[in-house]
């Protein structure tokens, strides 16, 4: 017997390589030199002035647009009509120039760097220490977008889409929150209570029609509500379904819980792409379990999530698929209730549904499957359960979904045939459902009983029956159905086929 594993703290996956580091620089009162007089320079000058920089512009022939920008902000902008000299760079933090000639651009960049300035040459990335991104301004909320020069128009398109989803009042909410922080600590001293306040704050900031009026009163009310709950509550456990693996199949509610978690206790089947969506400050604890391999004991997992919640943490118990389907969620809910820990469940897309969707198929069908039943093919000892209702599994009007059946698929298929399931019933085995490395293999229930190799090494679903597993070229409404026998494909009549059955791991 394998020795049990212990819950394992893990760090977030490292970021992919970045072409540039996105940072926000405080320019208030800093000396900035800008050389050039084009309309493009006018936009950059206006942006620098908005950030509080002391901007000096050198331009022999400034455009009307640039002149207008300077007139509108004499506090931050100074225009001098002449060429630049090296002494102009003394004390400068940032140097920007619109210089087309490569040699002249190199001369300016070298001179500026000798003085310790960061350099940007318009449309000359080889000489740039930084680039200007496309921005969405809801000050103090600022979103900056960069394509590293690959496709500026794409950056603009991204900006338009972000503009459409950020309320115009978002900046007012953010500023109010900044001013409210000290008072929040007075009203809500507990960490879980403040977490609840911020969750409600976000709901309010993004609410349709929110205009950001009377925010002081609104925030005060939200804080007292959260503080009142906090006085009677400790931490909490939220059991969240991560879906089959594709991060795009994660629910919006699951995403919100991941973003609010203090600690994420996750299973082996949760993909790295899902974890990347979580709050980066959250502690991550791996409690992977796998049949016939070293695994964390369920009682240790129960104790861990309870202890964390009693310590005041917001705990997300993250499970692959839907936590209500063979995820031992009932045991974890019971452990929390026994300890007086608040617990909630956020459902996820179960692998069976995602498997059918990946085949453009359905788990039910008016002619083939009027009922769906879920079973597990893996008992506490890793064997096929002895108490399976085999008559129900051979029901010609049911889709049966069997999880955790990779090791017992052959034995299960044999018993299903013995119970009346026709050997020619079509089968499709699918590994790593919804992921980039998904694999599908079509066969028959007789082939599975004989022990044919199943695809992949990851999580597996085996679909048996016409509704789900019939090959794509076989229309269900046809008078005969395409199937395989002894390695050869042929058509058999509907009367030879059983109902759809789904076997999964």
Protein backbone atom coordinates (compact mmCIF):
# COMPACT_ATOMS: atom_id res chain seq x y z
CA UNK A 1 0.00 0.00 0.00
CA UNK A 2 1.33 3.43 -0.92
CA UNK A 3 2.24 5.80 1.91
CA UNK A 4 -0.12 8.79 2.16
CA UNK A 5 0.93 12.18 0.88
CA UNK A 6 0.68 15.31 2.99
CA UNK A 7 -0.89 18.57 1.78
CA UNK A 8 1.82 20.39 -0.14
CA UNK A 9 2.18 24.19 -0.31
CA UNK A 10 3.07 25.24 -3.85
CA UNK A 11 4.07 28.53 -5.44
CA UNK A 12 2.17 29.97 -8.41
CA UNK A 13 3.51 29.04 -11.83
CA UNK A 14 6.09 31.46 -13.15
CA UNK A 15 4.99 34.06 -15.65
CA UNK A 16 5.80 33.55 -19.29
CA UNK A 17 8.62 35.73 -20.60
CA UNK A 18 7.63 39.40 -20.92
CA UNK A 19 8.98 41.57 -23.77
CA UNK A 20 8.61 44.62 -21.50
CA UNK A 21 7.90 45.07 -17.79
CA UNK A 22 4.63 46.98 -17.28
CA UNK A 23 5.28 49.55 -14.54
CA UNK A 24 3.67 52.79 -13.43
CA UNK A 25 6.14 55.61 -12.76
CA UNK A 26 5.51 58.63 -10.52
CA UNK A 27 6.45 61.65 -12.69
CA UNK A 28 5.07 64.35 -10.40
CA UNK A 29 7.54 67.26 -10.43
CA UNK A 30 10.18 65.38 -12.41
CA UNK A 31 12.06 67.12 -15.21
CA UNK A 32 11.21 65.78 -18.68
CA UNK A 33 12.75 66.87 -21.99
CA UNK A 34 10.83 66.45 -25.24
CA UNK A 35 12.42 67.19 -28.62
CA UNK A 36 10.14 67.60 -31.65
CA UNK A 37 7.05 69.49 -32.71
CA UNK A 38 4.72 67.00 -34.42
CA UNK A 39 1.11 66.17 -33.54
CA UNK A 40 2.35 62.80 -32.25
CA UNK A 41 4.60 64.63 -29.81
CA UNK A 42 1.62 66.75 -28.75
CA UNK A 43 -0.21 63.63 -27.52
CA UNK A 44 2.82 62.43 -25.56
CA UNK A 45 3.34 65.89 -24.03
CA UNK A 46 -0.29 66.02 -22.92
CA UNK A 47 0.03 62.58 -21.33
CA UNK A 48 3.23 63.53 -19.48
CA UNK A 49 1.63 66.72 -18.18
CA UNK A 50 -1.43 64.78 -16.99
CA UNK A 51 0.97 62.63 -14.93
CA UNK A 52 2.37 65.76 -13.26
CA UNK A 53 5.70 65.99 -15.06
CA UNK A 54 7.56 69.28 -15.57
CA UNK A 55 7.88 69.09 -19.36
CA UNK A 56 10.22 71.24 -21.44
CA UNK A 57 9.67 71.03 -25.20
CA UNK A 58 12.31 71.97 -27.77
CA UNK A 59 10.90 72.39 -31.29
CA UNK A 60 12.01 74.61 -34.15
CA UNK A 61 8.63 74.41 -35.87
CA UNK A 62 5.92 73.26 -33.42
CA UNK A 63 2.60 72.18 -34.91
CA UNK A 64 -0.61 74.10 -34.15
CA UNK A 65 -1.79 71.11 -32.11
CA UNK A 66 1.34 71.18 -29.96
CA UNK A 67 1.02 74.95 -29.43
CA UNK A 68 -2.58 74.49 -28.31
CA UNK A 69 -1.63 71.77 -25.82
CA UNK A 70 1.07 73.99 -24.32
CA UNK A 71 -1.33 76.95 -24.03
CA UNK A 72 -3.83 74.78 -22.17
CA UNK A 73 -1.35 73.73 -19.46
CA UNK A 74 1.29 76.39 -18.82
CA UNK A 75 1.83 75.00 -15.31
CA UNK A 76 3.44 71.79 -16.58
CA UNK A 77 4.50 72.66 -20.15
CA UNK A 78 7.18 75.00 -21.48
CA UNK A 79 7.88 75.44 -25.22
CA UNK A 80 11.23 76.70 -26.56
CA UNK A 81 11.66 77.09 -30.34
CA UNK A 82 15.18 75.84 -31.01
CA UNK A 83 17.17 72.63 -31.46
CA UNK A 84 18.38 70.58 -28.51
CA UNK A 85 21.82 70.79 -26.88
CA UNK A 86 23.45 68.29 -24.58
CA UNK A 87 23.29 70.68 -21.63
CA UNK A 88 19.47 70.58 -21.97
CA UNK A 89 19.64 67.05 -20.57
CA UNK A 90 21.05 68.09 -17.19
CA UNK A 91 18.78 66.87 -14.38
CA UNK A 92 16.34 65.24 -16.79
CA UNK A 93 14.61 61.99 -15.70
CA UNK A 94 12.96 61.18 -19.04
CA UNK A 95 14.08 62.20 -22.54
CA UNK A 96 11.76 61.83 -25.54
CA UNK A 97 12.51 62.80 -29.13
CA UNK A 98 10.92 62.64 -32.57
CA UNK A 99 14.08 62.20 -34.69
CA UNK A 100 13.91 60.34 -38.00
CA UNK A 101 17.63 60.12 -38.84
CA UNK A 102 19.13 57.04 -37.23
CA UNK A 103 22.51 58.59 -36.47
CA UNK A 104 20.94 61.69 -34.94
CA UNK A 105 18.62 59.49 -32.88
CA UNK A 106 21.59 57.46 -31.61
CA UNK A 107 23.44 60.64 -30.65
CA UNK A 108 20.46 61.91 -28.65
CA UNK A 109 19.90 58.56 -26.92
CA UNK A 110 23.57 58.21 -25.92
CA UNK A 111 23.69 61.76 -24.56
CA UNK A 112 20.51 61.25 -22.54
CA UNK A 113 21.70 57.97 -21.04
CA UNK A 114 24.98 59.56 -20.01
CA UNK A 115 22.86 61.92 -17.91
CA UNK A 116 20.90 59.00 -16.42
CA UNK A 117 17.65 59.63 -18.29
CA UNK A 118 15.25 57.02 -19.64
CA UNK A 119 14.96 57.39 -23.43
CA UNK A 120 12.12 57.07 -25.92
CA UNK A 121 12.63 57.84 -29.63
CA UNK A 122 9.37 57.95 -31.60
CA UNK A 123 9.06 54.98 -34.00
CA UNK A 124 12.67 53.90 -33.29
CA UNK A 125 12.35 50.99 -30.82
CA UNK A 126 16.05 50.13 -31.04
CA UNK A 127 16.84 53.34 -29.14
CA UNK A 128 14.01 53.08 -26.59
CA UNK A 129 14.27 52.21 -22.91
CA UNK A 130 10.48 52.25 -22.62
CA UNK A 131 7.38 52.49 -24.79
CA UNK A 132 4.07 54.30 -24.48
CA UNK A 133 1.11 51.92 -24.21
CA UNK A 134 -2.49 52.47 -25.14
CA UNK A 135 -4.34 53.51 -22.00
CA UNK A 136 -7.82 53.42 -20.51
CA UNK A 137 -8.10 56.26 -18.01
CA UNK A 138 -10.49 55.99 -15.08
CA UNK A 139 -8.07 57.74 -12.73
CA UNK A 140 -6.96 56.60 -10.26
CA UNK A 141 -7.68 53.37 -12.17
CA UNK A 142 -5.38 53.18 -15.20
CA UNK A 143 -5.23 50.30 -17.67
CA UNK A 144 -2.22 50.21 -20.00
CA UNK A 145 -2.04 47.95 -23.05
CA UNK A 146 1.03 47.03 -25.05
CA UNK A 147 1.65 44.79 -28.05
CA UNK A 148 5.41 45.52 -27.92
CA UNK A 149 5.07 47.28 -31.26
CA UNK A 150 3.78 44.15 -32.99
CA UNK A 151 0.32 45.53 -33.81
CA UNK A 152 -0.58 48.96 -32.37
CA UNK A 153 -4.02 48.81 -33.95
CA UNK A 154 -4.69 45.63 -31.94
CA UNK A 155 -3.85 47.54 -28.77
CA UNK A 156 -6.37 50.21 -29.77
CA UNK A 157 -9.03 47.56 -30.39
CA UNK A 158 -8.37 46.04 -26.97
CA UNK A 159 -8.67 49.50 -25.42
CA UNK A 160 -12.09 50.04 -27.02
CA UNK A 161 -13.35 46.76 -25.62
CA UNK A 162 -12.08 47.53 -22.14
CA UNK A 163 -13.57 51.03 -22.33
CA UNK A 164 -16.93 49.43 -23.04
CA UNK A 165 -16.96 47.31 -19.87
CA UNK A 166 -15.50 49.78 -17.34
CA UNK A 167 -18.15 52.13 -15.90
CA UNK A 168 -17.39 55.82 -16.22
CA UNK A 169 -17.84 56.12 -12.44
CA UNK A 170 -15.16 53.53 -11.69
CA UNK A 171 -12.56 56.18 -10.94
CA UNK A 172 -14.81 57.82 -8.37
CA UNK A 173 -15.32 54.47 -6.63
CA UNK A 174 -11.58 53.79 -6.60
CA UNK A 175 -10.77 57.22 -5.17
CA UNK A 176 -13.44 56.84 -2.51
CA UNK A 177 -11.98 53.47 -1.54
CA UNK A 178 -8.50 54.98 -1.26
CA UNK A 179 -9.81 57.65 1.09
CA UNK A 180 -11.85 55.11 3.09
CA UNK A 181 -9.13 52.58 3.96
CA UNK A 182 -8.26 53.91 7.42
CA UNK A 183 -11.91 54.15 8.44
CA UNK A 184 -12.52 50.62 7.11
CA UNK A 185 -9.91 49.21 9.53
CA UNK A 186 -11.70 50.94 12.40
CA UNK A 187 -15.13 49.60 11.44
CA UNK A 188 -14.02 46.12 10.32
CA UNK A 189 -10.90 44.96 12.19
CA UNK A 190 -11.07 41.35 10.97
CA UNK A 191 -9.48 40.20 7.73
CA UNK A 192 -12.48 38.05 6.57
CA UNK A 193 -14.82 40.96 7.25
CA UNK A 194 -12.73 43.32 5.14
CA UNK A 195 -12.67 40.70 2.39
CA UNK A 196 -16.47 40.67 2.38
CA UNK A 197 -16.51 44.46 2.28
CA UNK A 198 -14.27 44.53 -0.80
CA UNK A 199 -16.38 41.89 -2.55
CA UNK A 200 -19.46 44.08 -2.06
CA UNK A 201 -17.49 47.16 -3.03
CA UNK A 202 -16.63 45.56 -6.38
CA UNK A 203 -20.26 44.61 -6.95
CA UNK A 204 -21.25 48.23 -6.37
CA UNK A 205 -18.51 49.69 -8.54
CA UNK A 206 -19.57 47.56 -11.51
CA UNK A 207 -23.33 47.74 -10.94
CA UNK A 208 -25.33 48.88 -13.94
CA UNK A 209 -26.36 52.49 -13.64
CA UNK A 210 -23.95 53.24 -10.79
CA UNK A 211 -23.02 56.92 -10.99
CA UNK A 212 -20.67 57.10 -8.02
CA UNK A 213 -22.89 59.50 -6.02
CA UNK A 214 -22.86 59.68 -2.20
CA UNK A 215 -20.06 57.14 -2.04
CA UNK A 216 -18.99 58.02 1.49
CA UNK A 217 -22.38 56.96 2.80
CA UNK A 218 -22.44 53.87 0.58
CA UNK A 219 -19.02 52.65 1.73
CA UNK A 220 -19.88 53.32 5.37
CA UNK A 221 -23.01 51.20 5.04
CA UNK A 222 -21.15 48.35 3.30
CA UNK A 223 -18.47 48.39 5.99
CA UNK A 224 -20.96 48.19 8.86
CA UNK A 225 -22.76 45.32 7.13
CA UNK A 226 -19.50 43.42 6.64
CA UNK A 227 -18.36 44.21 10.18
CA UNK A 228 -21.62 42.96 11.65
CA UNK A 229 -21.21 39.66 9.84
CA UNK A 230 -17.56 39.43 10.82
CA UNK A 231 -18.37 39.68 14.53
CA UNK A 232 -20.42 36.49 14.24
CA UNK A 233 -18.33 34.66 11.64
CA UNK A 234 -14.84 33.34 11.32
CA UNK A 235 -13.33 32.28 8.05
CA UNK A 236 -15.23 30.23 5.51
CA UNK A 237 -14.80 27.39 3.03
CA UNK A 238 -16.03 27.66 -0.55
CA UNK A 239 -15.99 24.38 -2.49
CA UNK A 240 -15.52 25.37 -6.14
CA UNK A 241 -15.81 23.32 -9.32
CA UNK A 242 -12.93 24.01 -11.70
CA UNK A 243 -14.55 22.27 -14.68
CA UNK A 244 -12.81 19.71 -16.93
CA UNK A 245 -9.64 21.73 -17.56
CA UNK A 246 -10.25 24.38 -20.19
CA UNK A 247 -10.08 27.72 -18.33
CA UNK A 248 -12.76 29.14 -20.63
CA UNK A 249 -15.21 26.63 -19.12
CA UNK A 250 -14.71 28.07 -15.63
CA UNK A 251 -17.84 29.83 -14.38
CA UNK A 252 -17.86 33.54 -13.58
CA UNK A 253 -18.76 32.77 -9.98
CA UNK A 254 -15.83 30.34 -9.68
CA UNK A 255 -13.52 33.03 -11.07
CA UNK A 256 -14.78 35.49 -8.47
CA UNK A 257 -14.12 33.04 -5.63
CA UNK A 258 -10.57 32.38 -6.90
CA UNK A 259 -9.94 36.11 -6.94
CA UNK A 260 -11.18 36.45 -3.34
CA UNK A 261 -9.37 33.47 -1.79
CA UNK A 262 -6.75 33.65 0.95
CA UNK A 263 -5.87 29.96 0.49
CA UNK A 264 -6.59 27.60 -2.44
CA UNK A 265 -6.59 23.88 -1.60
CA UNK A 266 -6.63 22.12 -4.97
CA UNK A 267 -6.71 18.64 -6.49
CA UNK A 268 -4.48 16.90 -9.01
CA UNK A 269 -7.02 17.36 -11.81
CA UNK A 270 -6.98 21.17 -11.57
CA UNK A 271 -4.91 22.49 -14.48
CA UNK A 272 -2.17 25.14 -14.15
CA UNK A 273 -4.17 27.39 -16.49
CA UNK A 274 -7.02 27.46 -13.95
CA UNK A 275 -4.66 28.28 -11.07
CA UNK A 276 -3.21 31.17 -13.07
CA UNK A 277 -6.60 32.87 -12.83
CA UNK A 278 -6.47 32.97 -9.03
CA UNK A 279 -5.38 35.90 -6.89
CA UNK A 280 -1.59 35.78 -7.02
CA UNK A 281 -1.24 36.55 -3.31
CA UNK A 282 -3.31 33.50 -2.37
CA UNK A 283 -1.52 30.58 -0.75
CA UNK A 284 -1.78 27.40 -2.84
CA UNK A 285 -1.88 23.95 -1.22
CA UNK A 286 -1.81 20.82 -3.40
CA UNK A 287 -3.73 17.85 -2.01
CA UNK A 288 -3.60 15.59 -5.06
CA UNK A 289 -5.21 12.18 -4.95
CA UNK A 290 -4.85 9.39 -7.50
CA UNK A 291 -5.99 5.81 -7.37
CA UNK A 292 -3.25 3.20 -6.75
CA UNK A 293 -0.74 6.02 -6.09
CA UNK A 294 0.44 7.99 -3.08
CA UNK A 295 -2.39 10.36 -2.17
CA UNK A 296 -3.45 12.79 0.53
CA UNK A 297 -5.93 11.20 2.94
CA UNK A 298 -9.40 12.67 2.91
CA UNK A 299 -9.41 13.12 6.69
CA UNK A 300 -6.22 15.21 6.42
CA UNK A 301 -7.84 17.40 3.76
CA UNK A 302 -10.94 17.83 5.92
CA UNK A 303 -8.81 18.87 8.90
CA UNK A 304 -6.75 21.27 6.78
CA UNK A 305 -9.64 23.26 5.36
CA UNK A 306 -11.37 23.44 8.76
CA UNK A 307 -8.20 24.61 10.54
CA UNK A 308 -7.56 27.27 7.90
CA UNK A 309 -11.11 28.59 8.13
CA UNK A 310 -11.02 28.63 11.94
CA UNK A 311 -7.85 30.74 11.65
CA UNK A 312 -9.92 33.35 9.78
CA UNK A 313 -8.92 32.47 6.21
CA UNK A 314 -11.20 32.48 3.17
CA UNK A 315 -10.52 28.96 1.84
CA UNK A 316 -11.34 27.86 -1.70
CA UNK A 317 -11.43 24.06 -1.98
CA UNK A 318 -10.87 23.73 -5.74
CA UNK A 319 -11.92 20.46 -7.40
CA UNK A 320 -11.83 19.29 -11.00
CA UNK A 321 -15.15 19.05 -12.79
CA UNK A 322 -18.24 19.55 -10.63
CA UNK A 323 -17.60 19.10 -6.89
CA UNK A 324 -21.02 17.49 -6.41
CA UNK A 325 -20.13 14.57 -8.71
CA UNK A 326 -17.88 11.99 -6.99
CA UNK A 327 -15.72 14.68 -5.41
CA UNK A 328 -16.24 13.60 -1.75
CA UNK A 329 -17.74 17.01 -1.24
CA UNK A 330 -20.29 15.66 1.23
CA UNK A 331 -17.53 14.64 3.64
CA UNK A 332 -15.91 18.06 3.48
CA UNK A 333 -19.23 19.85 3.97
CA UNK A 334 -19.94 17.65 7.01
CA UNK A 335 -16.50 18.38 8.49
CA UNK A 336 -17.08 22.12 8.12
CA UNK A 337 -20.55 22.00 9.65
CA UNK A 338 -19.34 19.90 12.59
CA UNK A 339 -16.69 22.55 13.29
CA UNK A 340 -19.10 25.47 12.88
CA UNK A 341 -17.35 26.71 9.74
CA UNK A 342 -19.54 28.40 7.08
CA UNK A 343 -19.38 26.45 3.82
CA UNK A 344 -20.73 27.09 0.32
CA UNK A 345 -20.58 25.17 -2.97
CA UNK A 346 -20.00 26.69 -6.41
CA UNK A 347 -20.85 24.14 -9.14
CA UNK A 348 -18.67 23.46 -12.15
CA UNK A 349 -19.07 21.82 -15.55
CA UNK A 350 -18.71 18.09 -15.06
CA UNK A 351 -16.40 16.22 -17.44
CA UNK A 352 -19.28 14.15 -18.82
CA UNK A 353 -21.03 17.24 -20.17
CA UNK A 354 -17.80 18.62 -21.61
CA UNK A 355 -17.04 15.27 -23.24
CA UNK A 356 -20.40 15.19 -24.99
CA UNK A 357 -19.95 18.80 -26.09
CA UNK A 358 -16.51 18.05 -27.53
CA UNK A 359 -18.17 15.43 -29.75
CA UNK A 360 -21.06 17.74 -30.71
CA UNK A 361 -23.27 15.15 -29.06
CA UNK A 362 -25.84 15.00 -26.28
CA UNK A 363 -26.12 12.88 -23.14
CA UNK A 364 -29.85 12.50 -23.81
CA UNK A 365 -31.84 11.81 -26.97
CA UNK A 366 -35.56 11.48 -27.54
CA UNK A 367 -35.15 8.10 -29.27
CA UNK A 368 -32.08 6.69 -27.51
CA UNK A 369 -31.73 7.98 -23.96
CA UNK A 370 -34.52 9.39 -21.80
CA UNK A 371 -32.56 9.01 -18.56
CA UNK A 372 -29.01 9.77 -17.35
CA UNK A 373 -27.41 7.97 -14.41
CA UNK A 374 -23.96 8.61 -12.88
CA UNK A 375 -21.95 5.87 -11.13
CA UNK A 376 -18.33 5.35 -10.10
CA UNK A 377 -16.27 2.36 -11.24
CA UNK A 378 -13.76 2.82 -8.42
CA UNK A 379 -14.44 1.82 -4.80
CA UNK A 380 -12.36 2.73 -1.73
CA UNK A 381 -9.96 -0.13 -2.57
CA UNK A 382 -9.56 0.86 -6.23
CA UNK A 383 -11.68 -2.04 -7.51
CA UNK A 384 -15.00 -2.17 -9.36
CA UNK A 385 -17.79 -1.68 -6.80
CA UNK A 386 -19.71 -4.87 -6.06
CA UNK A 387 -23.05 -3.16 -5.49
CA UNK A 388 -23.55 -1.73 -8.99
CA UNK A 389 -27.08 -2.01 -10.38
CA UNK A 390 -26.10 -3.89 -13.52
CA UNK A 391 -29.68 -4.13 -14.74
CA UNK A 392 -29.85 -0.34 -14.76
CA UNK A 393 -26.54 -0.14 -16.64
CA UNK A 394 -28.03 -2.30 -19.40
CA UNK A 395 -31.22 -0.23 -19.57
CA UNK A 396 -31.77 0.51 -23.28
CA UNK A 397 -33.33 3.89 -22.46
CA UNK A 398 -30.60 5.27 -20.18
CA UNK A 399 -27.29 7.05 -20.55
CA UNK A 400 -24.99 5.80 -17.81
CA UNK A 401 -21.98 7.89 -16.82
CA UNK A 402 -19.31 6.04 -14.92
CA UNK A 403 -16.43 8.01 -13.41
CA UNK A 404 -12.99 6.69 -12.43
CA UNK A 405 -13.16 3.66 -14.68
CA UNK A 406 -9.75 3.55 -16.41
CA UNK A 407 -8.49 0.54 -14.43
CA UNK A 408 -11.83 -1.27 -14.27
CA UNK A 409 -13.27 -0.53 -17.73
CA UNK A 410 -12.70 -4.07 -19.06
CA UNK A 411 -14.35 -5.73 -16.05
CA UNK A 412 -17.24 -3.26 -16.14
CA UNK A 413 -17.83 -3.75 -19.89
CA UNK A 414 -17.82 -7.53 -19.40
CA UNK A 415 -20.46 -7.34 -16.68
CA UNK A 416 -22.57 -4.95 -18.74
CA UNK A 417 -22.56 -7.40 -21.66
CA UNK A 418 -23.43 -10.25 -19.29
CA UNK A 419 -26.35 -8.15 -18.05
CA UNK A 420 -27.76 -7.67 -21.55
CA UNK A 421 -25.88 -4.80 -23.18
CA UNK A 422 -25.29 -5.74 -26.86
CA UNK A 423 -21.57 -6.26 -27.61
CA UNK A 424 -21.83 -4.11 -30.75
CA UNK A 425 -22.77 -1.00 -28.77
CA UNK A 426 -20.48 1.84 -29.96
CA UNK A 427 -17.85 3.29 -27.64
CA UNK A 428 -15.70 6.40 -27.66
CA UNK A 429 -12.90 6.85 -25.13
CA UNK A 430 -11.81 10.45 -24.49
CA UNK A 431 -8.79 11.47 -22.43
CA UNK A 432 -8.05 14.99 -21.15
CA UNK A 433 -11.47 16.33 -22.10
CA UNK A 434 -11.52 19.99 -23.23
CA UNK A 435 -7.73 20.33 -23.08
CA UNK A 436 -5.26 20.88 -25.91
CA UNK A 437 -4.09 17.24 -25.69
CA UNK A 438 -7.57 15.69 -25.82
CA UNK A 439 -7.61 12.28 -27.57
CA UNK A 440 -10.63 10.31 -28.85
CA UNK A 441 -10.73 6.60 -29.75
CA UNK A 442 -13.84 4.87 -31.18
CA UNK A 443 -14.52 1.13 -30.61
CA UNK A 444 -17.29 -1.14 -29.22
CA UNK A 445 -18.22 -2.36 -25.74
CA UNK A 446 -16.92 -5.79 -26.77
CA UNK A 447 -13.53 -4.24 -27.59
CA UNK A 448 -13.42 -2.60 -24.16
CA UNK A 449 -14.26 -5.91 -22.49
CA UNK A 450 -11.32 -7.49 -24.34
CA UNK A 451 -9.02 -4.84 -22.88
CA UNK A 452 -8.16 -2.62 -25.85
CA UNK A 453 -5.75 0.22 -24.99
CA UNK A 454 -7.44 3.39 -23.83
CA UNK A 455 -6.12 6.76 -25.00
CA UNK A 456 -3.83 9.01 -23.03
CA UNK A 457 -2.67 8.82 -19.44
CA UNK A 458 -4.83 11.59 -18.01
CA UNK A 459 -8.45 11.75 -16.89
CA UNK A 460 -10.62 9.51 -19.06
CA UNK A 461 -14.26 9.35 -20.13
CA UNK A 462 -15.56 6.35 -22.08
CA UNK A 463 -18.86 6.97 -23.84
CA UNK A 464 -20.91 3.92 -24.81
CA UNK A 465 -24.04 4.14 -26.94
CA UNK A 466 -25.53 5.80 -29.98
CA UNK A 467 -26.41 9.14 -28.42
CA UNK A 468 -22.83 10.00 -27.49
CA UNK A 469 -20.45 7.46 -28.98
CA UNK A 470 -21.71 6.86 -32.51
CA UNK A 471 -19.09 7.98 -35.07
CA UNK A 472 -19.66 11.48 -36.52
CA UNK A 473 -20.63 10.10 -39.92
CA UNK A 474 -23.54 8.18 -38.39
CA UNK A 475 -26.81 10.23 -38.21
CA UNK A 476 -28.96 9.05 -35.30
CA UNK A 477 -32.17 9.44 -37.30
CA UNK A 478 -31.00 6.93 -39.92
CA UNK A 479 -32.58 3.49 -40.05
CA UNK A 480 -29.19 1.90 -39.43
CA UNK A 481 -26.20 2.95 -37.36
CA UNK A 482 -22.48 2.86 -38.10
CA UNK A 483 -20.40 0.81 -35.65
CA UNK A 484 -17.27 -1.33 -35.49
CA UNK A 485 -16.75 -5.03 -35.00
CA UNK A 486 -13.49 -7.01 -34.97
CA UNK A 487 -11.63 -3.95 -36.16
CA UNK A 488 -13.96 -3.53 -39.17
CA UNK A 489 -16.58 -0.79 -39.46
CA UNK A 490 -20.07 -1.75 -40.61
CA UNK A 491 -23.71 -0.68 -40.37
CA UNK A 492 -26.00 -2.45 -37.89
CA UNK A 493 -29.68 -1.89 -37.26
CA UNK A 494 -30.89 0.18 -34.33
CA UNK A 495 -32.37 -2.93 -32.77
CA UNK A 496 -28.84 -4.30 -32.30
CA UNK A 497 -27.74 -1.28 -30.29
CA UNK A 498 -28.15 -0.52 -26.62
CA UNK A 499 -28.72 2.82 -25.01
CA UNK A 500 -25.84 5.28 -24.61
CA UNK A 501 -23.54 4.50 -21.71
CA UNK A 502 -20.69 6.66 -20.52
CA UNK A 503 -17.77 5.27 -18.58
CA UNK A 504 -15.35 7.76 -17.08
CA UNK A 505 -12.25 8.23 -14.94
